[in-house]
C-alpha cells in the first residue's frame, strides 16, 4: 500500500472511530435532557445511579432533608401539597440527612414518628424548632432523649410508647439507611431531591419551588416510560 493511500485509509478509519465515539456521547446528552429541563443545569444526572427497590412501574422520589434547615422548612408545605395530589406511580419518601450528631438526633425524631405512626407531627417538629426556638438537640444523647421525650409527651405519646419506638429495630434500621443515602449520594446540601436514584435536583437548580415540582413530575414520567 502506498504511503498516500495508507494515510488516507488511516485518516478515514480515525474519522469513523471518532464518529463512533461522538455519536453515543451526543445521544447520551440528548437523552439527559427531559423536555425543557437540561442536565447539568436544572438537575444532575448521576454517573452511578442507585436504583431504589420499588415495584415495577413505580418511581421513587426521595427528599433528603434536615429539621434544622430553614430551606427544608420553607419547602415542606409545598411538598406536602404536591404529595397529596401526585401521580399514583410516584412513591414519595423522606430521608433525614446524617452529617453529624445533631442531624442524627433529628433523624431519630423522624424515624420515631414513623414507628409510632405519628407522621402528622412531622410539620410540628419543624415549627417547634423554627418558631418556638426549641432545637430538639443537645450536647449528648441522654439530654437529647429527654428533650425528645418531652416533645412526644406534649403531643399525646406515653413514655412507654416513646421508649419502645425510640429504641426499636425499625428506628435503628432507618438511621442506618439514612447514613447510606447521605454517603452514597454524597449529599452536600439540603433539601435535595433524588428521583429514581438517578437524578438529583433542588429548588435553586430547578428555578423555584413550583418549577421544582414540575421538574420532579417530568423526570418521574420519563422514568416510568422506561
N, C-alpha and C. Protein backbone atom coordinates (compact mmCIF):
# COMPACT_ATOMS: atom_id res chain seq x y z
N UNK A 1 0.85 -1.19 0.00
CA UNK A 1 0.00 0.00 0.00
C UNK A 1 0.88 1.24 0.00
N UNK A 2 0.56 2.18 -0.89
CA UNK A 2 1.34 3.40 -0.97
C UNK A 2 1.11 4.25 0.27
N UNK A 3 2.12 5.09 0.48
CA UNK A 3 2.06 5.93 1.67
C UNK A 3 0.81 6.81 1.66
N UNK A 4 0.52 7.40 0.48
CA UNK A 4 -0.64 8.29 0.40
C UNK A 4 -1.93 7.54 0.67
N UNK A 5 -2.02 6.32 0.12
CA UNK A 5 -3.22 5.51 0.30
C UNK A 5 -3.36 5.07 1.75
N UNK A 6 -2.23 4.67 2.34
CA UNK A 6 -2.25 4.24 3.73
C UNK A 6 -2.69 5.38 4.65
N UNK A 7 -2.17 6.58 4.33
CA UNK A 7 -2.52 7.75 5.14
C UNK A 7 -4.01 8.04 5.03
N UNK A 8 -4.53 7.94 3.79
CA UNK A 8 -5.95 8.21 3.57
C UNK A 8 -6.81 7.19 4.29
N UNK A 9 -6.37 5.91 4.21
CA UNK A 9 -7.11 4.85 4.88
C UNK A 9 -7.11 5.05 6.39
N UNK A 10 -5.93 5.43 6.93
CA UNK A 10 -5.82 5.65 8.36
C UNK A 10 -6.69 6.83 8.79
N UNK A 11 -6.69 7.88 7.98
CA UNK A 11 -7.49 9.06 8.29
C UNK A 11 -8.98 8.72 8.28
N UNK A 12 -9.39 7.91 7.28
CA UNK A 12 -10.78 7.50 7.17
C UNK A 12 -11.19 6.67 8.40
N UNK A 13 -10.29 5.74 8.79
CA UNK A 13 -10.57 4.89 9.94
C UNK A 13 -10.68 5.71 11.21
N UNK A 14 -9.79 6.72 11.33
CA UNK A 14 -9.82 7.58 12.51
C UNK A 14 -11.12 8.36 12.57
N UNK A 15 -11.56 8.83 11.40
CA UNK A 15 -12.81 9.59 11.32
C UNK A 15 -13.99 8.73 11.74
N UNK A 16 -14.01 7.48 11.27
CA UNK A 16 -15.08 6.57 11.66
C UNK A 16 -15.07 6.31 13.16
N UNK A 17 -13.85 6.13 13.73
CA UNK A 17 -13.73 5.87 15.15
C UNK A 17 -14.24 7.07 15.96
N UNK A 18 -13.86 8.28 15.51
CA UNK A 18 -14.30 9.48 16.20
C UNK A 18 -15.82 9.60 16.17
N UNK A 19 -16.39 9.27 15.00
CA UNK A 19 -17.84 9.34 14.85
C UNK A 19 -18.52 8.34 15.77
N UNK A 20 -17.89 7.16 15.89
CA UNK A 20 -18.46 6.11 16.74
C UNK A 20 -18.45 6.51 18.20
N UNK A 21 -17.43 7.29 18.58
CA UNK A 21 -17.33 7.73 19.97
C UNK A 21 -18.25 8.90 20.24
N UNK A 22 -18.29 9.85 19.29
CA UNK A 22 -19.08 11.07 19.48
C UNK A 22 -20.57 10.77 19.46
N UNK A 23 -20.99 9.85 18.59
CA UNK A 23 -22.41 9.58 18.46
C UNK A 23 -23.06 9.16 19.78
N UNK A 24 -22.50 8.16 20.51
CA UNK A 24 -23.10 7.79 21.78
C UNK A 24 -23.10 8.93 22.78
N UNK A 25 -22.04 9.75 22.78
CA UNK A 25 -21.97 10.87 23.70
C UNK A 25 -23.09 11.85 23.41
N UNK A 26 -23.26 12.15 22.11
CA UNK A 26 -24.33 13.07 21.72
C UNK A 26 -25.69 12.50 22.08
N UNK A 27 -25.86 11.20 21.85
CA UNK A 27 -27.12 10.55 22.19
C UNK A 27 -27.37 10.59 23.69
N UNK A 28 -26.29 10.38 24.47
CA UNK A 28 -26.43 10.41 25.93
C UNK A 28 -26.82 11.79 26.40
N UNK A 29 -26.20 12.83 25.79
CA UNK A 29 -26.52 14.19 26.17
C UNK A 29 -27.96 14.52 25.82
N UNK A 30 -28.40 14.04 24.66
CA UNK A 30 -29.78 14.30 24.25
C UNK A 30 -30.75 13.60 25.19
N UNK A 31 -30.39 12.34 25.56
CA UNK A 31 -31.26 11.58 26.45
C UNK A 31 -31.30 12.20 27.83
N UNK A 32 -30.24 12.94 28.19
CA UNK A 32 -30.17 13.53 29.51
C UNK A 32 -31.09 14.73 29.65
N UNK A 33 -31.56 15.27 28.52
CA UNK A 33 -32.48 16.39 28.54
C UNK A 33 -33.91 15.86 28.58
N UNK A 34 -34.70 16.37 29.50
CA UNK A 34 -36.09 15.95 29.65
C UNK A 34 -36.97 17.17 29.42
N UNK A 35 -37.62 17.21 28.26
CA UNK A 35 -38.43 18.38 27.94
C UNK A 35 -37.57 19.63 27.90
N UNK A 36 -38.00 20.64 28.63
CA UNK A 36 -37.25 21.90 28.65
C UNK A 36 -36.11 21.86 29.66
N UNK A 37 -36.04 20.79 30.45
CA UNK A 37 -35.05 20.71 31.51
C UNK A 37 -33.72 20.18 30.99
N UNK A 38 -32.64 20.80 31.42
CA UNK A 38 -31.31 20.44 30.95
C UNK A 38 -30.47 19.82 32.06
N UNK A 39 -29.90 18.64 31.76
CA UNK A 39 -28.98 18.01 32.71
C UNK A 39 -27.77 18.90 32.89
N UNK A 40 -27.31 19.02 34.12
CA UNK A 40 -26.17 19.87 34.41
C UNK A 40 -26.57 21.29 34.75
N UNK A 41 -27.80 21.65 34.41
CA UNK A 41 -28.31 22.98 34.72
C UNK A 41 -29.47 22.88 35.71
N UNK A 42 -30.53 22.18 35.30
CA UNK A 42 -31.71 22.06 36.15
C UNK A 42 -31.65 20.84 37.07
N UNK A 43 -30.86 19.88 36.71
CA UNK A 43 -30.71 18.68 37.54
C UNK A 43 -29.39 18.01 37.20
N UNK A 44 -28.99 17.10 38.06
CA UNK A 44 -27.76 16.35 37.85
C UNK A 44 -28.10 14.90 37.50
N UNK A 45 -27.55 14.43 36.41
CA UNK A 45 -27.69 13.02 36.03
C UNK A 45 -26.51 12.28 36.63
N UNK A 46 -26.78 11.42 37.59
CA UNK A 46 -25.71 10.75 38.33
C UNK A 46 -24.92 9.78 37.46
N UNK A 47 -23.61 9.79 37.62
CA UNK A 47 -22.76 8.87 36.85
C UNK A 47 -22.98 7.43 37.28
N UNK A 48 -23.26 7.23 38.57
CA UNK A 48 -23.51 5.88 39.08
C UNK A 48 -24.86 5.85 39.78
N UNK A 49 -25.91 5.63 39.01
CA UNK A 49 -27.26 5.59 39.59
C UNK A 49 -27.38 4.50 40.66
N UNK A 50 -28.25 4.73 41.61
CA UNK A 50 -28.52 3.75 42.66
C UNK A 50 -30.03 3.49 42.69
N UNK A 51 -30.50 2.65 41.78
CA UNK A 51 -31.95 2.42 41.65
C UNK A 51 -32.57 1.94 42.98
N UNK A 52 -33.68 2.54 43.37
CA UNK A 52 -34.35 2.13 44.61
C UNK A 52 -35.11 0.82 44.40
N UNK A 53 -35.46 0.18 45.47
CA UNK A 53 -36.25 -1.04 45.40
C UNK A 53 -37.73 -0.67 45.42
N UNK A 54 -38.28 -0.52 44.23
CA UNK A 54 -39.70 -0.19 44.09
C UNK A 54 -40.33 -1.18 43.12
N UNK A 55 -41.65 -1.27 43.18
CA UNK A 55 -42.37 -2.18 42.29
C UNK A 55 -42.25 -1.72 40.85
N UNK A 56 -42.42 -2.64 39.94
CA UNK A 56 -42.35 -2.33 38.52
C UNK A 56 -43.40 -1.27 38.18
N UNK A 57 -43.00 -0.26 37.44
CA UNK A 57 -43.93 0.81 37.08
C UNK A 57 -43.98 1.94 38.08
N UNK A 58 -43.27 1.77 39.21
CA UNK A 58 -43.22 2.80 40.24
C UNK A 58 -41.93 3.61 40.12
N UNK A 59 -42.00 4.86 40.53
CA UNK A 59 -40.83 5.74 40.52
C UNK A 59 -40.72 6.37 41.90
N UNK A 60 -39.54 6.27 42.49
CA UNK A 60 -39.35 6.83 43.83
C UNK A 60 -38.80 8.25 43.75
N UNK A 61 -39.40 9.13 44.52
CA UNK A 61 -38.90 10.49 44.71
C UNK A 61 -38.54 10.62 46.18
N UNK A 62 -37.28 10.92 46.44
CA UNK A 62 -36.76 10.95 47.81
C UNK A 62 -36.28 12.37 48.14
N UNK A 63 -36.82 12.92 49.23
CA UNK A 63 -36.33 14.22 49.71
C UNK A 63 -35.35 13.98 50.85
N UNK A 64 -34.13 14.41 50.69
CA UNK A 64 -33.16 14.38 51.78
C UNK A 64 -33.24 15.74 52.47
N UNK A 65 -33.51 15.73 53.76
CA UNK A 65 -33.78 16.99 54.46
C UNK A 65 -33.17 16.98 55.86
N UNK A 66 -33.29 18.12 56.52
CA UNK A 66 -32.87 18.25 57.92
C UNK A 66 -33.87 19.15 58.62
N UNK A 67 -34.33 18.74 59.78
CA UNK A 67 -35.31 19.53 60.52
C UNK A 67 -34.77 20.92 60.88
N UNK A 68 -33.47 21.04 61.04
CA UNK A 68 -32.88 22.32 61.40
C UNK A 68 -32.65 23.26 60.24
N UNK A 69 -32.96 22.82 59.02
CA UNK A 69 -32.72 23.61 57.81
C UNK A 69 -33.93 24.49 57.50
N UNK A 70 -33.70 25.80 57.44
CA UNK A 70 -34.79 26.74 57.16
C UNK A 70 -35.34 26.56 55.75
N UNK A 71 -34.49 26.17 54.81
CA UNK A 71 -34.94 25.96 53.43
C UNK A 71 -35.84 24.72 53.35
N UNK A 72 -35.51 23.70 54.12
CA UNK A 72 -36.33 22.49 54.18
C UNK A 72 -37.69 22.82 54.79
N UNK A 73 -37.67 23.65 55.83
CA UNK A 73 -38.90 24.07 56.49
C UNK A 73 -39.78 24.85 55.52
N UNK A 74 -39.17 25.74 54.75
CA UNK A 74 -39.92 26.55 53.80
C UNK A 74 -40.54 25.70 52.69
N UNK A 75 -39.83 24.65 52.27
CA UNK A 75 -40.30 23.81 51.17
C UNK A 75 -41.35 22.79 51.61
N UNK A 76 -41.35 22.45 52.88
CA UNK A 76 -42.18 21.34 53.37
C UNK A 76 -43.66 21.47 53.04
N UNK A 77 -44.32 22.61 53.27
CA UNK A 77 -45.74 22.71 52.93
C UNK A 77 -46.01 22.48 51.45
N UNK A 78 -45.13 22.99 50.60
CA UNK A 78 -45.27 22.80 49.16
C UNK A 78 -45.17 21.33 48.79
N UNK A 79 -44.22 20.63 49.40
CA UNK A 79 -44.07 19.20 49.15
C UNK A 79 -45.27 18.41 49.65
N UNK A 80 -45.79 18.80 50.80
CA UNK A 80 -46.96 18.12 51.36
C UNK A 80 -48.15 18.26 50.41
N UNK A 81 -48.34 19.45 49.87
CA UNK A 81 -49.45 19.68 48.93
C UNK A 81 -49.24 18.85 47.66
N UNK A 82 -48.02 18.84 47.16
CA UNK A 82 -47.71 18.05 45.96
C UNK A 82 -47.93 16.57 46.23
N UNK A 83 -47.51 16.10 47.39
CA UNK A 83 -47.62 14.69 47.75
C UNK A 83 -49.07 14.23 47.78
N UNK A 84 -49.96 15.11 48.20
CA UNK A 84 -51.37 14.75 48.30
C UNK A 84 -52.01 14.53 46.93
N UNK A 85 -51.45 15.17 45.87
CA UNK A 85 -52.06 15.05 44.55
C UNK A 85 -51.15 14.49 43.49
N UNK A 86 -50.03 13.93 43.89
CA UNK A 86 -49.06 13.43 42.91
C UNK A 86 -49.60 12.21 42.17
N UNK A 87 -49.04 11.87 41.01
CA UNK A 87 -49.47 10.67 40.28
C UNK A 87 -49.27 9.41 41.13
N UNK A 88 -50.14 8.43 40.92
CA UNK A 88 -50.10 7.23 41.73
C UNK A 88 -48.84 6.40 41.58
N UNK A 89 -48.13 6.55 40.47
CA UNK A 89 -46.93 5.75 40.26
C UNK A 89 -45.71 6.30 41.00
N UNK A 90 -45.84 7.49 41.58
CA UNK A 90 -44.73 8.08 42.32
C UNK A 90 -44.81 7.68 43.79
N UNK A 91 -43.73 7.12 44.29
CA UNK A 91 -43.61 6.81 45.71
C UNK A 91 -42.71 7.86 46.35
N UNK A 92 -43.29 8.66 47.23
CA UNK A 92 -42.55 9.74 47.86
C UNK A 92 -42.05 9.30 49.23
N UNK A 93 -40.76 9.47 49.46
CA UNK A 93 -40.17 9.15 50.76
C UNK A 93 -39.29 10.31 51.20
N UNK A 94 -39.05 10.36 52.47
CA UNK A 94 -38.12 11.36 53.02
C UNK A 94 -36.98 10.63 53.71
N UNK A 95 -35.81 11.23 53.63
CA UNK A 95 -34.64 10.70 54.31
C UNK A 95 -33.94 11.83 55.04
N UNK A 96 -33.82 11.75 56.36
CA UNK A 96 -33.09 12.79 57.10
C UNK A 96 -31.59 12.67 56.84
N UNK A 97 -30.96 13.79 56.61
CA UNK A 97 -29.53 13.78 56.33
C UNK A 97 -28.76 13.41 57.60
N UNK A 98 -27.59 12.79 57.43
CA UNK A 98 -26.80 12.31 58.57
C UNK A 98 -25.38 12.86 58.48
N UNK A 99 -25.22 14.14 58.73
CA UNK A 99 -23.91 14.77 58.66
C UNK A 99 -23.16 14.71 59.99
N UNK A 100 -23.85 14.78 61.08
CA UNK A 100 -23.19 14.84 62.38
C UNK A 100 -24.15 14.52 63.50
N UNK A 101 -23.73 14.69 64.77
CA UNK A 101 -24.55 14.33 65.93
C UNK A 101 -25.93 14.98 65.96
N UNK A 102 -26.00 16.29 65.68
CA UNK A 102 -27.30 16.97 65.74
C UNK A 102 -28.24 16.44 64.66
N UNK A 103 -27.69 16.10 63.50
CA UNK A 103 -28.51 15.56 62.42
C UNK A 103 -29.03 14.17 62.78
N UNK A 104 -28.19 13.40 63.45
CA UNK A 104 -28.61 12.08 63.89
C UNK A 104 -29.72 12.19 64.93
N UNK A 105 -29.62 13.15 65.83
CA UNK A 105 -30.66 13.34 66.84
C UNK A 105 -31.99 13.70 66.19
N UNK A 106 -31.94 14.57 65.20
CA UNK A 106 -33.16 14.94 64.49
C UNK A 106 -33.68 13.77 63.65
N UNK A 107 -32.78 13.00 63.08
CA UNK A 107 -33.19 11.83 62.30
C UNK A 107 -33.91 10.83 63.19
N UNK A 108 -33.48 10.74 64.43
CA UNK A 108 -34.12 9.79 65.36
C UNK A 108 -35.55 10.21 65.66
N UNK A 109 -35.78 11.52 65.72
CA UNK A 109 -37.15 12.00 65.88
C UNK A 109 -38.00 11.55 64.69
N UNK A 110 -37.46 11.74 63.50
CA UNK A 110 -38.20 11.41 62.27
C UNK A 110 -38.60 9.94 62.25
N UNK A 111 -37.66 9.05 62.54
CA UNK A 111 -37.97 7.62 62.47
C UNK A 111 -38.83 7.16 63.64
N UNK A 112 -38.75 7.87 64.76
CA UNK A 112 -39.64 7.57 65.88
C UNK A 112 -41.07 7.94 65.52
N UNK A 113 -41.25 9.06 64.82
CA UNK A 113 -42.58 9.43 64.33
C UNK A 113 -43.16 8.32 63.46
N UNK A 114 -42.33 7.77 62.60
CA UNK A 114 -42.80 6.70 61.72
C UNK A 114 -43.14 5.44 62.51
N UNK A 115 -42.28 5.10 63.47
CA UNK A 115 -42.51 3.90 64.26
C UNK A 115 -43.80 4.00 65.08
N UNK A 116 -44.15 5.20 65.49
CA UNK A 116 -45.37 5.43 66.28
C UNK A 116 -46.59 5.73 65.41
N UNK A 117 -46.37 5.76 64.08
CA UNK A 117 -47.45 6.13 63.16
C UNK A 117 -47.99 7.52 63.50
N UNK A 118 -47.08 8.44 63.81
CA UNK A 118 -47.44 9.82 64.13
C UNK A 118 -46.76 10.79 63.17
N UNK A 119 -46.83 10.46 61.89
CA UNK A 119 -46.22 11.34 60.90
C UNK A 119 -46.95 12.68 60.81
N UNK A 120 -48.14 12.76 61.44
CA UNK A 120 -48.84 14.04 61.49
C UNK A 120 -48.04 15.09 62.25
N UNK A 121 -47.08 14.62 63.08
CA UNK A 121 -46.26 15.54 63.86
C UNK A 121 -45.03 16.04 63.09
N UNK A 122 -44.83 15.54 61.88
CA UNK A 122 -43.68 15.96 61.07
C UNK A 122 -43.60 17.49 60.93
N UNK A 123 -44.68 18.15 60.49
CA UNK A 123 -44.59 19.62 60.40
C UNK A 123 -44.49 20.30 61.76
N UNK A 124 -44.98 19.63 62.79
CA UNK A 124 -44.91 20.19 64.15
C UNK A 124 -43.46 20.25 64.62
N UNK A 125 -42.67 19.27 64.24
CA UNK A 125 -41.24 19.28 64.60
C UNK A 125 -40.58 20.51 64.00
N UNK A 126 -40.87 20.76 62.73
CA UNK A 126 -40.32 21.95 62.07
C UNK A 126 -40.71 23.22 62.83
N UNK A 127 -41.99 23.34 63.18
CA UNK A 127 -42.47 24.54 63.86
C UNK A 127 -41.85 24.70 65.25
N UNK A 128 -41.68 23.58 65.93
CA UNK A 128 -41.08 23.61 67.26
C UNK A 128 -39.66 24.18 67.19
N UNK A 129 -38.93 23.77 66.18
CA UNK A 129 -37.54 24.22 66.03
C UNK A 129 -37.47 25.66 65.52
N UNK A 130 -38.23 25.97 64.48
CA UNK A 130 -38.07 27.25 63.80
C UNK A 130 -38.96 28.37 64.34
N UNK A 131 -40.06 28.03 64.98
CA UNK A 131 -40.94 29.06 65.53
C UNK A 131 -40.78 29.20 67.04
N UNK A 132 -40.67 28.07 67.73
CA UNK A 132 -40.61 28.11 69.19
C UNK A 132 -39.18 28.19 69.71
N UNK A 133 -38.20 28.00 68.83
CA UNK A 133 -36.81 28.11 69.25
C UNK A 133 -36.30 26.93 70.05
N UNK A 134 -37.04 25.82 70.04
CA UNK A 134 -36.60 24.60 70.72
C UNK A 134 -35.93 23.72 69.67
N UNK A 135 -34.60 23.66 69.69
CA UNK A 135 -33.89 22.97 68.62
C UNK A 135 -33.96 21.45 68.71
N UNK A 136 -34.51 20.93 69.80
CA UNK A 136 -34.68 19.48 69.95
C UNK A 136 -33.38 18.72 69.73
N UNK A 137 -32.30 19.30 70.18
CA UNK A 137 -30.98 18.67 70.09
C UNK A 137 -30.16 19.13 71.28
N UNK A 138 -29.17 18.34 71.64
CA UNK A 138 -28.38 18.64 72.84
C UNK A 138 -26.94 18.18 72.67
N UNK A 139 -26.15 18.43 73.70
CA UNK A 139 -24.72 18.10 73.66
C UNK A 139 -24.47 16.60 73.70
N UNK A 140 -25.40 15.85 74.28
CA UNK A 140 -25.22 14.40 74.35
C UNK A 140 -26.54 13.69 74.13
N UNK A 141 -26.47 12.39 73.93
CA UNK A 141 -27.65 11.61 73.59
C UNK A 141 -28.67 11.57 74.72
N UNK A 142 -28.21 11.53 75.96
CA UNK A 142 -29.13 11.48 77.10
C UNK A 142 -29.97 12.75 77.19
N UNK A 143 -29.33 13.90 77.01
CA UNK A 143 -30.06 15.16 77.05
C UNK A 143 -31.02 15.27 75.87
N UNK A 144 -30.57 14.81 74.70
CA UNK A 144 -31.42 14.85 73.52
C UNK A 144 -32.64 13.97 73.71
N UNK A 145 -32.43 12.81 74.30
CA UNK A 145 -33.54 11.89 74.54
C UNK A 145 -34.59 12.52 75.44
N UNK A 146 -34.13 13.22 76.47
CA UNK A 146 -35.06 13.88 77.40
C UNK A 146 -35.88 14.94 76.68
N UNK A 147 -35.23 15.70 75.79
CA UNK A 147 -35.95 16.70 75.00
C UNK A 147 -36.98 16.05 74.07
N UNK A 148 -36.59 14.97 73.48
CA UNK A 148 -37.48 14.27 72.56
C UNK A 148 -38.68 13.67 73.31
N UNK A 149 -38.40 13.09 74.46
CA UNK A 149 -39.49 12.53 75.27
C UNK A 149 -40.49 13.61 75.64
N UNK A 150 -40.00 14.75 76.07
CA UNK A 150 -40.88 15.87 76.44
C UNK A 150 -41.73 16.30 75.25
N UNK A 151 -41.13 16.37 74.07
CA UNK A 151 -41.87 16.75 72.87
C UNK A 151 -42.99 15.75 72.59
N UNK A 152 -42.67 14.47 72.62
CA UNK A 152 -43.67 13.46 72.31
C UNK A 152 -44.78 13.42 73.37
N UNK A 153 -44.42 13.57 74.63
CA UNK A 153 -45.43 13.58 75.69
C UNK A 153 -46.36 14.77 75.53
N UNK A 154 -45.83 15.90 75.10
CA UNK A 154 -46.65 17.09 74.86
C UNK A 154 -47.68 16.86 73.76
N UNK A 155 -47.44 15.84 72.94
CA UNK A 155 -48.35 15.57 71.83
C UNK A 155 -49.01 14.19 71.96
N UNK A 156 -49.23 13.79 73.21
CA UNK A 156 -50.08 12.65 73.48
C UNK A 156 -49.45 11.28 73.44
N UNK A 157 -48.14 11.20 73.38
CA UNK A 157 -47.45 9.90 73.34
C UNK A 157 -46.99 9.56 74.75
N UNK A 158 -47.32 8.36 75.21
CA UNK A 158 -46.91 7.96 76.55
C UNK A 158 -45.41 7.67 76.59
N UNK A 159 -44.84 7.73 77.78
CA UNK A 159 -43.41 7.47 77.91
C UNK A 159 -43.07 6.05 77.48
N UNK A 160 -43.94 5.10 77.81
CA UNK A 160 -43.69 3.71 77.44
C UNK A 160 -43.68 3.54 75.92
N UNK A 161 -44.67 4.14 75.27
CA UNK A 161 -44.74 4.03 73.80
C UNK A 161 -43.53 4.71 73.16
N UNK A 162 -43.13 5.85 73.73
CA UNK A 162 -41.96 6.56 73.21
C UNK A 162 -40.72 5.69 73.32
N UNK A 163 -40.49 5.11 74.51
CA UNK A 163 -39.28 4.31 74.73
C UNK A 163 -39.23 3.11 73.81
N UNK A 164 -40.36 2.45 73.64
CA UNK A 164 -40.40 1.27 72.78
C UNK A 164 -40.06 1.62 71.33
N UNK A 165 -40.60 2.73 70.87
CA UNK A 165 -40.33 3.15 69.48
C UNK A 165 -38.92 3.69 69.33
N UNK A 166 -38.50 4.52 70.26
CA UNK A 166 -37.20 5.19 70.20
C UNK A 166 -36.06 4.18 70.15
N UNK A 167 -36.23 3.06 70.88
CA UNK A 167 -35.19 2.03 70.96
C UNK A 167 -35.44 0.85 70.03
N UNK A 168 -36.38 0.99 69.11
CA UNK A 168 -36.78 -0.13 68.26
C UNK A 168 -35.78 -0.40 67.13
N UNK A 169 -35.87 -1.62 66.61
CA UNK A 169 -35.04 -2.01 65.47
C UNK A 169 -35.41 -1.19 64.23
N UNK A 170 -36.68 -0.80 64.13
CA UNK A 170 -37.13 -0.02 62.98
C UNK A 170 -36.43 1.33 62.93
N UNK A 171 -36.30 1.97 64.09
CA UNK A 171 -35.62 3.27 64.14
C UNK A 171 -34.13 3.10 63.85
N UNK A 172 -33.53 2.08 64.44
CA UNK A 172 -32.11 1.82 64.19
C UNK A 172 -31.86 1.54 62.72
N UNK A 173 -32.76 0.78 62.10
CA UNK A 173 -32.62 0.48 60.67
C UNK A 173 -32.79 1.72 59.81
N UNK A 174 -33.71 2.59 60.23
CA UNK A 174 -33.90 3.84 59.50
C UNK A 174 -32.66 4.71 59.53
N UNK A 175 -32.04 4.81 60.69
CA UNK A 175 -30.82 5.60 60.83
C UNK A 175 -29.70 5.04 59.96
N UNK A 176 -29.62 3.73 59.92
CA UNK A 176 -28.58 3.09 59.09
C UNK A 176 -28.82 3.38 57.61
N UNK A 177 -30.09 3.31 57.19
CA UNK A 177 -30.41 3.59 55.79
C UNK A 177 -30.15 5.05 55.45
N UNK A 178 -30.46 5.95 56.38
CA UNK A 178 -30.22 7.38 56.16
C UNK A 178 -28.74 7.66 56.00
N UNK A 179 -27.91 6.96 56.76
CA UNK A 179 -26.47 7.12 56.64
C UNK A 179 -25.99 6.66 55.26
N UNK A 180 -26.56 5.57 54.79
CA UNK A 180 -26.18 5.04 53.47
C UNK A 180 -26.57 6.01 52.36
N UNK A 181 -27.74 6.61 52.47
CA UNK A 181 -28.19 7.56 51.46
C UNK A 181 -27.30 8.80 51.48
N UNK A 182 -27.03 9.31 52.67
CA UNK A 182 -26.20 10.52 52.80
C UNK A 182 -24.83 10.30 52.18
N UNK A 183 -24.23 9.15 52.46
CA UNK A 183 -22.90 8.86 51.94
C UNK A 183 -22.95 8.42 50.48
N UNK A 184 -23.90 7.58 50.15
CA UNK A 184 -23.99 7.04 48.79
C UNK A 184 -24.24 8.08 47.73
N UNK A 185 -25.02 9.10 48.08
CA UNK A 185 -25.32 10.17 47.13
C UNK A 185 -24.48 11.41 47.38
N UNK A 186 -23.50 11.28 48.29
CA UNK A 186 -22.60 12.38 48.60
C UNK A 186 -23.37 13.68 48.83
N UNK A 187 -24.38 13.60 49.69
CA UNK A 187 -25.26 14.74 49.93
C UNK A 187 -24.46 15.88 50.56
N UNK A 188 -24.44 17.01 49.88
CA UNK A 188 -23.69 18.17 50.37
C UNK A 188 -24.57 19.35 50.69
N UNK A 189 -25.86 19.26 50.32
CA UNK A 189 -26.80 20.34 50.60
C UNK A 189 -28.20 19.77 50.71
N UNK A 190 -29.03 20.43 51.49
CA UNK A 190 -30.43 20.05 51.63
C UNK A 190 -31.29 21.30 51.53
N UNK A 191 -32.55 21.15 51.08
CA UNK A 191 -33.19 19.91 50.65
C UNK A 191 -32.67 19.44 49.30
N UNK A 192 -32.49 18.14 49.17
CA UNK A 192 -32.04 17.53 47.93
C UNK A 192 -33.10 16.52 47.49
N UNK A 193 -33.52 16.64 46.25
CA UNK A 193 -34.50 15.70 45.71
C UNK A 193 -33.79 14.68 44.83
N UNK A 194 -34.08 13.41 45.07
CA UNK A 194 -33.49 12.32 44.30
C UNK A 194 -34.62 11.57 43.59
N UNK A 195 -34.55 11.48 42.29
CA UNK A 195 -35.59 10.81 41.51
C UNK A 195 -35.06 9.49 40.97
N UNK A 196 -35.67 8.41 41.44
CA UNK A 196 -35.35 7.05 40.99
C UNK A 196 -33.86 6.71 41.16
N UNK A 197 -33.22 7.34 42.13
CA UNK A 197 -31.81 7.07 42.37
C UNK A 197 -30.90 7.46 41.22
N UNK A 198 -31.43 8.26 40.29
CA UNK A 198 -30.73 8.55 39.05
C UNK A 198 -30.48 10.05 38.84
N UNK A 199 -31.39 10.87 39.34
CA UNK A 199 -31.29 12.31 39.17
C UNK A 199 -31.34 12.99 40.54
N UNK A 200 -30.61 14.08 40.68
CA UNK A 200 -30.73 14.91 41.88
C UNK A 200 -30.99 16.35 41.44
N UNK A 201 -31.74 17.06 42.27
CA UNK A 201 -32.03 18.46 41.97
C UNK A 201 -32.49 19.15 43.24
N UNK A 202 -32.70 20.45 43.12
CA UNK A 202 -33.13 21.24 44.27
C UNK A 202 -33.85 22.48 43.80
N UNK A 203 -34.29 23.30 44.73
CA UNK A 203 -35.07 24.49 44.41
C UNK A 203 -34.28 25.45 43.52
N UNK A 204 -33.04 25.73 43.87
CA UNK A 204 -32.26 26.69 43.09
C UNK A 204 -31.94 26.16 41.71
N UNK A 205 -31.64 24.87 41.60
CA UNK A 205 -31.34 24.28 40.29
C UNK A 205 -32.56 24.34 39.37
N UNK A 206 -33.71 24.03 39.94
CA UNK A 206 -34.93 23.99 39.13
C UNK A 206 -35.40 25.38 38.76
N UNK A 207 -35.11 26.37 39.62
CA UNK A 207 -35.53 27.74 39.34
C UNK A 207 -36.66 28.22 40.22
N UNK A 208 -36.96 27.47 41.28
CA UNK A 208 -38.03 27.86 42.20
C UNK A 208 -38.81 26.65 42.66
N UNK A 209 -39.67 26.84 43.64
CA UNK A 209 -40.42 25.71 44.20
C UNK A 209 -41.40 25.11 43.19
N UNK A 210 -42.16 25.96 42.49
CA UNK A 210 -43.12 25.45 41.51
C UNK A 210 -42.39 24.73 40.38
N UNK A 211 -41.29 25.31 39.95
CA UNK A 211 -40.50 24.68 38.89
C UNK A 211 -39.94 23.34 39.35
N UNK A 212 -39.54 23.26 40.62
CA UNK A 212 -39.00 22.02 41.16
C UNK A 212 -40.04 20.90 41.07
N UNK A 213 -41.27 21.19 41.44
CA UNK A 213 -42.31 20.17 41.41
C UNK A 213 -42.60 19.74 39.97
N UNK A 214 -42.60 20.69 39.04
CA UNK A 214 -42.83 20.34 37.64
C UNK A 214 -41.67 19.49 37.12
N UNK A 215 -40.46 19.84 37.48
CA UNK A 215 -39.29 19.07 37.07
C UNK A 215 -39.35 17.65 37.61
N UNK A 216 -39.71 17.52 38.90
CA UNK A 216 -39.81 16.19 39.51
C UNK A 216 -40.84 15.35 38.76
N UNK A 217 -41.99 15.95 38.46
CA UNK A 217 -43.04 15.22 37.73
C UNK A 217 -42.54 14.77 36.36
N UNK A 218 -41.83 15.64 35.68
CA UNK A 218 -41.34 15.32 34.33
C UNK A 218 -40.27 14.23 34.37
N UNK A 219 -39.36 14.32 35.34
CA UNK A 219 -38.33 13.29 35.48
C UNK A 219 -38.97 11.94 35.82
N UNK A 220 -39.93 11.97 36.72
CA UNK A 220 -40.60 10.74 37.12
C UNK A 220 -41.36 10.12 35.94
N UNK A 221 -42.02 10.97 35.16
CA UNK A 221 -42.76 10.49 34.00
C UNK A 221 -41.81 9.86 32.98
N UNK A 222 -40.65 10.48 32.78
CA UNK A 222 -39.69 9.93 31.82
C UNK A 222 -39.17 8.58 32.28
N UNK A 223 -39.03 8.40 33.58
CA UNK A 223 -38.56 7.13 34.12
C UNK A 223 -39.65 6.05 34.04
N UNK A 224 -40.89 6.45 34.19
CA UNK A 224 -41.99 5.48 34.13
C UNK A 224 -42.09 4.86 32.74
N UNK A 225 -41.73 5.63 31.73
CA UNK A 225 -41.81 5.12 30.36
C UNK A 225 -40.75 4.09 30.05
N UNK A 226 -39.70 4.02 30.86
CA UNK A 226 -38.58 3.14 30.56
C UNK A 226 -38.94 1.68 30.83
